[in-house]
Amino acid sequence: MLHPSARALLDMMIEKQVPPTHTLTPEQARHFYRERRFATQPEPPEVAESRDLVADGPHGPIPLRMVRPKGSTADQVLPVLVYYHGGGWVIGDLDTHDTLCRSLANLAGCAVIAVDYRMGPEFKFPAAPDDCIAATRWVRANAAALKVDANRMAVGGDSAGGNLAAVVSLAARDAGDLPIRFQLLIYPATDAHCDTQSYHANGQGYMLTRETMAYFYGHYIDNEGHKNDWRASPLRAASHANLPPALVITAGFDPLRDEGLHYAQKLTQAGNRATHISFERQIHGFVTMGKVIDEANAAVALCASMLRDALAPRA
């Protein structure tokens, strides 16, 4: 059964006649997503430092935001999570996920560097993965100046950001010169073909719909053949061997539920350590909604606990 808090949120959206994302222009959808956070997200927790940065990328400068956990010192070398926000490769930014990044930093005791990658429709695939790969490489190259440990690096993201974290992990493995300790994949999009049982079961009525996913992919990908490219559909990569340990979180009432599960299974079958945890009563996007959905806070704490363990110093 759907969690009562999630049900209440959906009912409120119906009552207030909140327009579905796919009925809005990208500019309208970005504005609405940015403003909606005030109704559903907890207050941003205090951190030791929040600083905006810029990385070099193949398509131009890439804005970043680094937060360092409360209680850390400026000269303390910290493990680091590079985080890619969700929003269907069309919406979302450094502000929409600032509370989540701050919470993960404080709870895991690591620095978090969020990436404001290029999005559609202005910048089509593969601009987003290009930016995310370049930004992650920039963090490693500038680790000493940033006071982070390049050998204790994780990548993570939610939804489209989970897709990008999986893609960065695959690209890093193939290049062989970007060690990643852990991948945090929160209800990741892993297959652009959108044809799983959960798409049919959960494609209407639970906030994220089939129409909205079609809207996102339509703005992101302009060539149907690209849907088979592993940078768009990491589930379809030729090999999933030799990848970092992963935590894959899914939601029971999410169209993306099955592709997240399938990705966790692919990782395990290929010999990697992958933990899959499904919040069976939840909807897509719940992890950032801790103000109205209490299970979100448990999910964030779980992510942070596994992140802290994965980035701990090795003997």
C-alpha atoms as a PDB file:
ATOM      1  CA  MET A   1       0.000   0.000   0.000  1.00  0.00           C
ATOM      2  CA  LEU A   2       1.058   3.569  -0.654  1.00  0.00           C
ATOM      3  CA  HIS A   3       2.530   5.371   2.359  1.00  0.00           C
ATOM      4  CA  PRO A   4      -0.141   7.657   3.909  1.00  0.00           C
ATOM      5  CA  SER A   5       2.184  10.666   3.661  1.00  0.00           C
ATOM      6  CA  ALA A   6       2.773  10.027  -0.037  1.00  0.00           C
ATOM      7  CA  ARG A   7      -0.975   9.591  -0.556  1.00  0.00           C
ATOM      8  CA  ALA A   8      -1.641  12.881   1.232  1.00  0.00           C
ATOM      9  CA  LEU A   9       0.894  14.670  -0.960  1.00  0.00           C
ATOM     10  CA  LEU A  10      -0.655  13.307  -4.153  1.00  0.00           C
ATOM     11  CA  ASP A  11      -4.145  14.238  -2.962  1.00  0.00           C
ATOM     12  CA  MET A  12      -2.981  17.769  -2.152  1.00  0.00           C
ATOM     13  CA  MET A  13      -1.492  18.139  -5.640  1.00  0.00           C
ATOM     14  CA  ILE A  14      -4.833  17.086  -7.150  1.00  0.00           C
ATOM     15  CA  GLU A  15      -6.732  19.467  -4.889  1.00  0.00           C
ATOM     16  CA  LYS A  16      -4.475  22.399  -5.756  1.00  0.00           C
ATOM     17  CA  GLN A  17      -4.579  21.442  -9.460  1.00  0.00           C
ATOM     18  CA  VAL A  18      -0.804  21.296  -9.755  1.00  0.00           C
ATOM     19  CA  PRO A  19      -0.042  21.013 -13.491  1.00  0.00           C
ATOM     20  CA  PRO A  20       1.813  17.879 -14.636  1.00  0.00           C
ATOM     21  CA  THR A  21       5.397  18.583 -15.681  1.00  0.00           C
ATOM     22  CA  HIS A  22       4.821  17.415 -19.248  1.00  0.00           C
ATOM     23  CA  THR A  23       2.213  20.171 -19.769  1.00  0.00           C
ATOM     24  CA  LEU A  24       4.767  22.916 -19.027  1.00  0.00           C
ATOM     25  CA  THR A  25       7.556  24.457 -21.044  1.00  0.00           C
ATOM     26  CA  PRO A  26      11.044  23.548 -19.804  1.00  0.00           C
ATOM     27  CA  GLU A  27      11.413  27.065 -18.386  1.00  0.00           C
ATOM     28  CA  GLN A  28       8.098  26.793 -16.521  1.00  0.00           C
ATOM     29  CA  ALA A  29       8.935  23.291 -15.302  1.00  0.00           C
ATOM     30  CA  ARG A  30      12.325  24.452 -13.980  1.00  0.00           C
ATOM     31  CA  HIS A  31      10.758  27.341 -12.113  1.00  0.00           C
ATOM     32  CA  PHE A  32       8.029  25.160 -10.632  1.00  0.00           C
ATOM     33  CA  TYR A  33      10.500  22.444  -9.550  1.00  0.00           C
ATOM     34  CA  ARG A  34      12.743  25.056  -7.935  1.00  0.00           C
ATOM     35  CA  GLU A  35       9.862  26.659  -6.041  1.00  0.00           C
ATOM     36  CA  ARG A  36       8.235  23.366  -5.022  1.00  0.00           C
ATOM     37  CA  ARG A  37      11.166  22.491  -2.807  1.00  0.00           C
ATOM     38  CA  PHE A  38      10.026  24.975  -0.176  1.00  0.00           C
ATOM     39  CA  ALA A  39       6.829  22.963   0.370  1.00  0.00           C
ATOM     40  CA  THR A  40       8.387  19.500   0.538  1.00  0.00           C
ATOM     41  CA  GLN A  41      12.029  19.788   1.611  1.00  0.00           C
ATOM     42  CA  PRO A  42      13.382  20.237   5.148  1.00  0.00           C
ATOM     43  CA  GLU A  43      15.284  23.394   5.995  1.00  0.00           C
ATOM     44  CA  PRO A  44      18.871  23.248   4.685  1.00  0.00           C
ATOM     45  CA  PRO A  45      21.081  22.110   7.558  1.00  0.00           C
ATOM     46  CA  GLU A  46      24.065  24.154   8.620  1.00  0.00           C
ATOM     47  CA  VAL A  47      27.397  23.067   7.131  1.00  0.00           C
ATOM     48  CA  ALA A  48      30.988  24.165   7.708  1.00  0.00           C
ATOM     49  CA  GLU A  49      31.319  25.629   4.217  1.00  0.00           C
ATOM     50  CA  SER A  50      29.351  26.063   1.011  1.00  0.00           C
ATOM     51  CA  ARG A  51      31.311  27.323  -1.956  1.00  0.00           C
ATOM     52  CA  ASP A  52      30.500  27.656  -5.643  1.00  0.00           C
ATOM     53  CA  LEU A  53      33.184  26.520  -8.074  1.00  0.00           C
ATOM     54  CA  VAL A  54      33.637  26.136 -11.822  1.00  0.00           C
ATOM     55  CA  ALA A  55      35.131  23.145 -13.619  1.00  0.00           C
ATOM     56  CA  ASP A  56      36.417  23.004 -17.182  1.00  0.00           C
ATOM     57  CA  GLY A  57      34.431  20.828 -19.565  1.00  0.00           C
ATOM     58  CA  PRO A  58      34.291  19.913 -23.265  1.00  0.00           C
ATOM     59  CA  HIS A  59      31.249  22.150 -23.801  1.00  0.00           C
ATOM     60  CA  GLY A  60      32.435  25.037 -21.626  1.00  0.00           C
ATOM     61  CA  PRO A  61      32.503  25.886 -17.908  1.00  0.00           C
ATOM     62  CA  ILE A  62      30.535  23.635 -15.517  1.00  0.00           C
ATOM     63  CA  PRO A  63      29.172  25.213 -12.310  1.00  0.00           C
ATOM     64  CA  LEU A  64      29.739  23.199  -9.129  1.00  0.00           C
ATOM     65  CA  ARG A  65      28.890  23.630  -5.467  1.00  0.00           C
ATOM     66  CA  MET A  66      31.014  22.137  -2.704  1.00  0.00           C
ATOM     67  CA  VAL A  67      29.703  21.708   0.817  1.00  0.00           C
ATOM     68  CA  ARG A  68      31.852  20.522   3.690  1.00  0.00           C
ATOM     69  CA  PRO A  69      30.277  18.893   6.745  1.00  0.00           C
ATOM     70  CA  LYS A  70      29.521  20.697   9.952  1.00  0.00           C
ATOM     71  CA  GLY A  71      32.396  20.293  12.383  1.00  0.00           C
ATOM     72  CA  SER A  72      35.082  19.886   9.721  1.00  0.00           C
ATOM     73  CA  THR A  73      37.988  22.315   9.415  1.00  0.00           C
ATOM     74  CA  ALA A  74      39.129  24.184   6.311  1.00  0.00           C
ATOM     75  CA  ASP A  75      42.417  22.282   6.069  1.00  0.00           C
ATOM     76  CA  GLN A  76      40.964  18.834   6.781  1.00  0.00           C
ATOM     77  CA  VAL A  77      41.277  16.450   3.831  1.00  0.00           C
ATOM     78  CA  LEU A  78      37.895  14.778   3.423  1.00  0.00           C
ATOM     79  CA  PRO A  79      36.495  11.959   1.356  1.00  0.00           C
ATOM     80  CA  VAL A  80      34.209  13.282  -1.370  1.00  0.00           C
ATOM     81  CA  LEU A  81      30.921  12.479  -3.056  1.00  0.00           C
ATOM     82  CA  VAL A  82      30.391  13.958  -6.526  1.00  0.00           C
ATOM     83  CA  TYR A  83      26.629  14.372  -6.874  1.00  0.00           C
ATOM     84  CA  TYR A  84      24.460  14.757  -9.993  1.00  0.00           C
ATOM     85  CA  HIS A  85      20.954  16.108  -9.396  1.00  0.00           C
ATOM     86  CA  GLY A  86      17.750  14.572 -10.674  1.00  0.00           C
ATOM     87  CA  GLY A  87      15.138  16.190 -12.901  1.00  0.00           C
ATOM     88  CA  GLY A  88      14.922  14.211 -16.122  1.00  0.00           C
ATOM     89  CA  TRP A  89      17.993  15.871 -17.709  1.00  0.00           C
ATOM     90  CA  VAL A  90      15.719  18.925 -18.172  1.00  0.00           C
ATOM     91  CA  ILE A  91      14.973  20.434 -14.743  1.00  0.00           C
ATOM     92  CA  GLY A  92      16.800  20.715 -11.416  1.00  0.00           C
ATOM     93  CA  ASP A  93      19.920  22.610 -10.380  1.00  0.00           C
ATOM     94  CA  LEU A  94      22.317  23.221  -7.518  1.00  0.00           C
ATOM     95  CA  ASP A  95      19.563  24.777  -5.391  1.00  0.00           C
ATOM     96  CA  THR A  96      16.932  22.051  -5.830  1.00  0.00           C
ATOM     97  CA  HIS A  97      19.293  19.479  -4.295  1.00  0.00           C
ATOM     98  CA  ASP A  98      21.241  21.666  -1.876  1.00  0.00           C
ATOM     99  CA  THR A  99      19.414  20.371   1.211  1.00  0.00           C
ATOM    100  CA  LEU A 100      20.048  16.744   0.222  1.00  0.00           C
ATOM    101  CA  CYS A 101      23.734  17.397  -0.477  1.00  0.00           C
ATOM    102  CA  ARG A 102      24.157  19.194   2.851  1.00  0.00           C
ATOM    103  CA  SER A 103      22.427  16.359   4.691  1.00  0.00           C
ATOM    104  CA  LEU A 104      24.600  13.706   3.050  1.00  0.00           C
ATOM    105  CA  ALA A 105      27.738  15.703   3.845  1.00  0.00           C
ATOM    106  CA  ASN A 106      26.865  16.078   7.523  1.00  0.00           C
ATOM    107  CA  LEU A 107      25.665  12.514   8.038  1.00  0.00           C
ATOM    108  CA  ALA A 108      28.455  10.824   6.057  1.00  0.00           C
ATOM    109  CA  GLY A 109      31.261  13.140   7.172  1.00  0.00           C
ATOM    110  CA  CYS A 110      32.389  13.853   3.634  1.00  0.00           C
ATOM    111  CA  ALA A 111      32.560  16.762   1.245  1.00  0.00           C
ATOM    112  CA  VAL A 112      29.851  16.789  -1.414  1.00  0.00           C
ATOM    113  CA  ILE A 113      30.441  18.472  -4.763  1.00  0.00           C
ATOM    114  CA  ALA A 114      27.257  18.923  -6.800  1.00  0.00           C
ATOM    115  CA  VAL A 115      27.432  19.283 -10.589  1.00  0.00           C
ATOM    116  CA  ASP A 116      25.216  21.686 -12.552  1.00  0.00           C
ATOM    117  CA  TYR A 117      25.505  19.790 -15.843  1.00  0.00           C
ATOM    118  CA  ARG A 118      24.058  20.926 -19.163  1.00  0.00           C
ATOM    119  CA  MET A 119      20.486  19.869 -19.836  1.00  0.00           C
ATOM    120  CA  GLY A 120      18.012  19.530 -22.667  1.00  0.00           C
ATOM    121  CA  PRO A 121      16.471  20.876 -24.742  1.00  0.00           C
ATOM    122  CA  GLU A 122      19.239  23.473 -25.044  1.00  0.00           C
ATOM    123  CA  PHE A 123      21.975  20.836 -24.804  1.00  0.00           C
ATOM    124  CA  LYS A 124      21.084  17.398 -26.084  1.00  0.00           C
ATOM    125  CA  PHE A 125      22.608  14.014 -25.186  1.00  0.00           C
ATOM    126  CA  PRO A 126      25.486  13.381 -24.613  1.00  0.00           C
ATOM    127  CA  ALA A 127      26.199  16.842 -23.170  1.00  0.00           C
ATOM    128  CA  ALA A 128      25.017  15.820 -19.675  1.00  0.00           C
ATOM    129  CA  PRO A 129      27.257  12.737 -19.315  1.00  0.00           C
ATOM    130  CA  ASP A 130      30.130  14.628 -20.961  1.00  0.00           C
ATOM    131  CA  ASP A 131      29.829  17.348 -18.300  1.00  0.00           C
ATOM    132  CA  CYS A 132      29.508  14.874 -15.424  1.00  0.00           C
ATOM    133  CA  ILE A 133      32.543  12.868 -16.503  1.00  0.00           C
ATOM    134  CA  ALA A 134      34.582  16.046 -16.999  1.00  0.00           C
ATOM    135  CA  ALA A 135      33.507  17.515 -13.653  1.00  0.00           C
ATOM    136  CA  THR A 136      34.424  14.325 -11.815  1.00  0.00           C
ATOM    137  CA  ARG A 137      37.839  14.296 -13.468  1.00  0.00           C
ATOM    138  CA  TRP A 138      38.262  17.959 -12.507  1.00  0.00           C
ATOM    139  CA  VAL A 139      37.560  17.143  -8.863  1.00  0.00           C
ATOM    140  CA  ARG A 140      40.224  14.450  -8.913  1.00  0.00           C
ATOM    141  CA  ALA A 141      42.739  16.729 -10.661  1.00  0.00           C
ATOM    142  CA  ASN A 142      42.124  19.528  -8.158  1.00  0.00           C
ATOM    143  CA  ALA A 143      41.759  17.362  -5.071  1.00  0.00           C
ATOM    144  CA  ALA A 144      44.722  18.893  -3.236  1.00  0.00           C
ATOM    145  CA  ALA A 145      43.414  22.455  -3.618  1.00  0.00           C
ATOM    146  CA  LEU A 146      39.886  21.343  -2.658  1.00  0.00           C
ATOM    147  CA  LYS A 147      41.171  19.486   0.419  1.00  0.00           C
ATOM    148  CA  VAL A 148      39.537  16.214  -0.653  1.00  0.00           C
ATOM    149  CA  ASP A 149      41.010  12.744  -0.973  1.00  0.00           C
ATOM    150  CA  ALA A 150      41.044  11.706  -4.635  1.00  0.00           C
ATOM    151  CA  ASN A 151      41.349   8.055  -3.605  1.00  0.00           C
ATOM    152  CA  ARG A 152      38.222   8.200  -1.439  1.00  0.00           C
ATOM    153  CA  MET A 153      35.746   9.408  -4.046  1.00  0.00           C
ATOM    154  CA  ALA A 154      32.148   8.310  -4.620  1.00  0.00           C
ATOM    155  CA  VAL A 155      29.602   9.311  -7.229  1.00  0.00           C
ATOM    156  CA  GLY A 156      25.862   9.542  -6.721  1.00  0.00           C
ATOM    157  CA  GLY A 157      22.598  10.927  -7.948  1.00  0.00           C
ATOM    158  CA  ASP A 158      18.845  10.558  -7.991  1.00  0.00           C
ATOM    159  CA  SER A 159      16.696   9.680 -11.020  1.00  0.00           C
ATOM    160  CA  ALA A 160      18.443  11.258 -14.033  1.00  0.00           C
ATOM    161  CA  GLY A 161      21.349  11.901 -11.667  1.00  0.00           C
ATOM    162  CA  GLY A 162      21.408   8.209 -10.765  1.00  0.00           C
ATOM    163  CA  ASN A 163      21.637   7.479 -14.475  1.00  0.00           C
ATOM    164  CA  LEU A 164      24.586   9.855 -14.751  1.00  0.00           C
ATOM    165  CA  ALA A 165      26.343   8.368 -11.709  1.00  0.00           C
ATOM    166  CA  ALA A 166      26.084   4.911 -13.280  1.00  0.00           C
ATOM    167  CA  VAL A 167      27.418   6.298 -16.562  1.00  0.00           C
ATOM    168  CA  VAL A 168      30.352   8.044 -14.866  1.00  0.00           C
ATOM    169  CA  SER A 169      31.220   4.774 -13.092  1.00  0.00           C
ATOM    170  CA  LEU A 170      31.211   2.882 -16.403  1.00  0.00           C
ATOM    171  CA  ALA A 171      33.307   5.574 -18.109  1.00  0.00           C
ATOM    172  CA  ALA A 172      35.786   5.648 -15.214  1.00  0.00           C
ATOM    173  CA  ARG A 173      36.177   1.870 -15.349  1.00  0.00           C
ATOM    174  CA  ASP A 174      36.815   1.949 -19.092  1.00  0.00           C
ATOM    175  CA  ALA A 175      39.355   4.768 -18.826  1.00  0.00           C
ATOM    176  CA  GLY A 176      41.106   3.094 -15.897  1.00  0.00           C
ATOM    177  CA  ASP A 177      42.472   6.313 -14.390  1.00  0.00           C
ATOM    178  CA  LEU A 178      39.582   7.602 -12.276  1.00  0.00           C
ATOM    179  CA  PRO A 179      39.197   5.448  -9.168  1.00  0.00           C
ATOM    180  CA  ILE A 180      35.689   5.534  -7.722  1.00  0.00           C
ATOM    181  CA  ARG A 181      35.048   3.882  -4.364  1.00  0.00           C
ATOM    182  CA  PHE A 182      31.223   3.748  -4.382  1.00  0.00           C
ATOM    183  CA  GLN A 183      28.160   4.588  -6.467  1.00  0.00           C
ATOM    184  CA  LEU A 184      24.962   5.839  -4.839  1.00  0.00           C
ATOM    185  CA  LEU A 185      22.055   5.292  -7.234  1.00  0.00           C
ATOM    186  CA  ILE A 186      18.711   6.635  -5.997  1.00  0.00           C
ATOM    187  CA  TYR A 187      15.815   5.429  -8.173  1.00  0.00           C
ATOM    188  CA  PRO A 188      18.076   5.621 -11.241  1.00  0.00           C
ATOM    189  CA  ALA A 189      16.860   5.745 -14.842  1.00  0.00           C
ATOM    190  CA  THR A 190      18.853   2.967 -16.502  1.00  0.00           C
ATOM    191  CA  ASP A 191      16.992   2.120 -19.728  1.00  0.00           C
ATOM    192  CA  ALA A 192      15.634   4.791 -22.083  1.00  0.00           C
ATOM    193  CA  HIS A 193      13.253   2.320 -23.723  1.00  0.00           C
ATOM    194  CA  CYS A 194      10.793   2.670 -20.808  1.00  0.00           C
ATOM    195  CA  ASP A 195       9.095  -0.699 -21.228  1.00  0.00           C
ATOM    196  CA  THR A 196       9.069  -2.516 -17.894  1.00  0.00           C
ATOM    197  CA  GLN A 197       6.226  -3.887 -15.816  1.00  0.00           C
ATOM    198  CA  SER A 198       6.543  -0.972 -13.387  1.00  0.00           C
ATOM    199  CA  TYR A 199       6.076   1.504 -16.247  1.00  0.00           C
ATOM    200  CA  HIS A 200       2.733  -0.097 -16.970  1.00  0.00           C
ATOM    201  CA  ALA A 201       1.718  -0.546 -13.320  1.00  0.00           C
ATOM    202  CA  ASN A 202       2.913   2.857 -12.013  1.00  0.00           C
ATOM    203  CA  GLY A 203       2.837   5.035 -15.105  1.00  0.00           C
ATOM    204  CA  GLN A 204      -0.160   7.072 -13.947  1.00  0.00           C
ATOM    205  CA  GLY A 205      -1.241   8.522 -10.631  1.00  0.00           C
ATOM    206  CA  TYR A 206       2.046   8.592  -8.704  1.00  0.00           C
ATOM    207  CA  MET A 207       3.562  11.977  -9.639  1.00  0.00           C
ATOM    208  CA  LEU A 208       6.091  10.733 -12.216  1.00  0.00           C
ATOM    209  CA  THR A 209       4.122   9.446 -15.222  1.00  0.00           C
ATOM    210  CA  ARG A 210       4.849   7.788 -18.548  1.00  0.00           C
ATOM    211  CA  GLU A 211       3.989  11.071 -20.263  1.00  0.00           C
ATOM    212  CA  THR A 212       6.444  12.995 -18.122  1.00  0.00           C
ATOM    213  CA  MET A 213       9.233  10.513 -18.829  1.00  0.00           C
ATOM    214  CA  ALA A 214       8.459  10.781 -22.570  1.00  0.00           C
ATOM    215  CA  TYR A 215       8.650  14.583 -22.173  1.00  0.00           C
ATOM    216  CA  PHE A 216      12.040  14.322 -20.463  1.00  0.00           C
ATOM    217  CA  TYR A 217      13.526  11.907 -22.983  1.00  0.00           C
ATOM    218  CA  GLY A 218      12.039  13.950 -25.841  1.00  0.00           C
ATOM    219  CA  HIS A 219      13.910  17.038 -24.678  1.00  0.00           C
ATOM    220  CA  TYR A 220      17.094  15.102 -23.900  1.00  0.00           C
ATOM    221  CA  ILE A 221      17.522  12.675 -26.804  1.00  0.00           C
ATOM    222  CA  ASP A 222      16.907  13.659 -30.430  1.00  0.00           C
ATOM    223  CA  ASN A 223      17.943  10.375 -32.057  1.00  0.00           C
ATOM    224  CA  GLU A 224      16.068   7.160 -31.239  1.00  0.00           C
ATOM    225  CA  GLY A 225      19.258   5.188 -31.815  1.00  0.00           C
ATOM    226  CA  HIS A 226      20.869   6.965 -28.884  1.00  0.00           C
ATOM    227  CA  LYS A 227      18.521   5.105 -26.541  1.00  0.00           C
ATOM    228  CA  ASN A 228      20.733   2.033 -27.054  1.00  0.00           C
ATOM    229  CA  ASP A 229      23.897   3.969 -26.176  1.00  0.00           C
ATOM    230  CA  TRP A 230      25.145   2.960 -22.716  1.00  0.00           C
ATOM    231  CA  ARG A 231      25.611   6.636 -21.867  1.00  0.00           C
ATOM    232  CA  ALA A 232      21.827   6.998 -22.120  1.00  0.00           C
ATOM    233  CA  SER A 233      20.911   3.463 -21.021  1.00  0.00           C
ATOM    234  CA  PRO A 234      23.627   2.121 -18.693  1.00  0.00           C
ATOM    235  CA  LEU A 235      21.625  -1.094 -18.294  1.00  0.00           C
ATOM    236  CA  ARG A 236      22.564  -1.818 -21.929  1.00  0.00           C
ATOM    237  CA  ALA A 237      26.337  -1.492 -21.449  1.00  0.00           C
ATOM    238  CA  ALA A 238      28.284  -4.374 -22.956  1.00  0.00           C
ATOM    239  CA  SER A 239      29.748  -5.278 -19.575  1.00  0.00           C
ATOM    240  CA  HIS A 240      28.994  -4.426 -15.963  1.00  0.00           C
ATOM    241  CA  ALA A 241      32.091  -6.130 -14.548  1.00  0.00           C
ATOM    242  CA  ASN A 242      34.664  -4.383 -12.364  1.00  0.00           C
ATOM    243  CA  LEU A 243      32.424  -1.554 -11.222  1.00  0.00           C
ATOM    244  CA  PRO A 244      32.404   0.133  -7.793  1.00  0.00           C
ATOM    245  CA  PRO A 245      30.165  -1.214  -5.026  1.00  0.00           C
ATOM    246  CA  ALA A 246      26.696   0.258  -5.264  1.00  0.00           C
ATOM    247  CA  LEU A 247      23.621   1.081  -3.248  1.00  0.00           C
ATOM    248  CA  VAL A 248      20.519   1.124  -5.454  1.00  0.00           C
ATOM    249  CA  ILE A 249      17.377   2.560  -3.897  1.00  0.00           C
ATOM    250  CA  THR A 250      13.990   2.157  -5.576  1.00  0.00           C
ATOM    251  CA  ALA A 251      10.400   3.114  -4.739  1.00  0.00           C
ATOM    252  CA  GLY A 252       7.512   0.683  -4.993  1.00  0.00           C
ATOM    253  CA  PHE A 253       5.127   3.085  -6.767  1.00  0.00           C
ATOM    254  CA  ASP A 254       7.689   4.415  -9.256  1.00  0.00           C
ATOM    255  CA  PRO A 255       7.697   3.772 -13.026  1.00  0.00           C
ATOM    256  CA  LEU A 256      11.506   3.451 -12.725  1.00  0.00           C
ATOM    257  CA  ARG A 257      11.308   0.766 -10.019  1.00  0.00           C
ATOM    258  CA  ASP A 258      12.081  -2.219 -12.233  1.00  0.00           C
ATOM    259  CA  GLU A 259      14.989  -0.716 -14.172  1.00  0.00           C
ATOM    260  CA  GLY A 260      16.654   0.169 -10.870  1.00  0.00           C
ATOM    261  CA  LEU A 261      16.201  -3.403  -9.657  1.00  0.00           C
ATOM    262  CA  HIS A 262      17.435  -4.762 -12.994  1.00  0.00           C
ATOM    263  CA  TYR A 263      20.548  -2.607 -12.762  1.00  0.00           C
ATOM    264  CA  ALA A 264      21.325  -3.828  -9.255  1.00  0.00           C
ATOM    265  CA  GLN A 265      20.894  -7.374 -10.500  1.00  0.00           C
ATOM    266  CA  LYS A 266      23.213  -6.750 -13.461  1.00  0.00           C
ATOM    267  CA  LEU A 267      25.868  -5.395 -11.113  1.00  0.00           C
ATOM    268  CA  THR A 268      25.628  -8.408  -8.822  1.00  0.00           C
ATOM    269  CA  GLN A 269      25.604 -10.921 -11.662  1.00  0.00           C
ATOM    270  CA  ALA A 270      28.776  -9.309 -13.020  1.00  0.00           C
ATOM    271  CA  GLY A 271      30.550  -9.919  -9.714  1.00  0.00           C
ATOM    272  CA  ASN A 272      30.190  -6.520  -8.066  1.00  0.00           C
ATOM    273  CA  ARG A 273      28.865  -5.763  -4.587  1.00  0.00           C
ATOM    274  CA  ALA A 274      25.466  -4.168  -5.009  1.00  0.00           C
ATOM    275  CA  THR A 275      22.793  -3.624  -2.385  1.00  0.00           C
ATOM    276  CA  HIS A 276      19.230  -3.021  -3.530  1.00  0.00           C
ATOM    277  CA  ILE A 277      16.697  -1.578  -1.107  1.00  0.00           C
ATOM    278  CA  SER A 278      13.132  -0.834  -2.148  1.00  0.00           C
ATOM    279  CA  PHE A 279      10.955   1.573  -0.205  1.00  0.00           C
ATOM    280  CA  GLU A 280       7.824  -0.281  -1.194  1.00  0.00           C
ATOM    281  CA  ARG A 281       5.297   2.358  -0.087  1.00  0.00           C
ATOM    282  CA  GLN A 282       6.987   5.308  -1.788  1.00  0.00           C
ATOM    283  CA  ILE A 283       6.791   7.334  -4.975  1.00  0.00           C
ATOM    284  CA  HIS A 284       9.494   8.614  -7.283  1.00  0.00           C
ATOM    285  CA  GLY A 285      11.286  11.639  -5.869  1.00  0.00           C
ATOM    286  CA  PHE A 286      10.484  10.932  -2.220  1.00  0.00           C
ATOM    287  CA  VAL A 287      14.082  11.131  -0.948  1.00  0.00           C
ATOM    288  CA  THR A 288      14.179  14.925  -1.198  1.00  0.00           C
ATOM    289  CA  MET A 289      10.731  15.341   0.443  1.00  0.00           C
ATOM    290  CA  GLY A 290      11.614  14.882   4.107  1.00  0.00           C
ATOM    291  CA  LYS A 291       9.397  17.775   5.201  1.00  0.00           C
ATOM    292  CA  VAL A 292       6.233  15.868   4.224  1.00  0.00           C
ATOM    293  CA  ILE A 293       7.383  12.218   3.911  1.00  0.00           C
ATOM    294  CA  ASP A 294       9.173  10.959   7.007  1.00  0.00           C
ATOM    295  CA  GLU A 295      10.563   7.832   5.305  1.00  0.00           C
ATOM    296  CA  ALA A 296      12.663  10.182   3.179  1.00  0.00           C
ATOM    297  CA  ASN A 297      14.778  11.023   6.204  1.00  0.00           C
ATOM    298  CA  ALA A 298      15.348   7.329   6.903  1.00  0.00           C
ATOM    299  CA  ALA A 299      16.416   6.854   3.282  1.00  0.00           C
ATOM    300  CA  VAL A 300      18.881   9.758   3.470  1.00  0.00           C
ATOM    301  CA  ALA A 301      20.338   8.373   6.708  1.00  0.00           C
ATOM    302  CA  LEU A 302      20.718   4.952   5.069  1.00  0.00           C
ATOM    303  CA  CYS A 303      22.487   6.454   2.052  1.00  0.00           C
ATOM    304  CA  ALA A 304      24.824   8.410   4.308  1.00  0.00           C
ATOM    305  CA  SER A 305      25.635   5.383   6.473  1.00  0.00           C
ATOM    306  CA  MET A 306      26.662   3.256   3.489  1.00  0.00           C
ATOM    307  CA  LEU A 307      28.537   6.199   1.982  1.00  0.00           C
ATOM    308  CA  ARG A 308      30.460   6.731   5.219  1.00  0.00           C
ATOM    309  CA  ASP A 309      31.411   3.054   5.380  1.00  0.00           C
ATOM    310  CA  ALA A 310      32.444   2.942   1.718  1.00  0.00           C
ATOM    311  CA  LEU A 311      34.687   6.027   2.055  1.00  0.00           C
ATOM    312  CA  ALA A 312      36.300   5.039   5.348  1.00  0.00           C
ATOM    313  CA  PRO A 313      40.112   4.832   5.345  1.00  0.00           C
ATOM    314  CA  ARG A 314      41.459   1.440   4.403  1.00  0.00           C
ATOM    315  CA  ALA A 315      44.095  -0.289   6.457  1.00  0.00           C
END
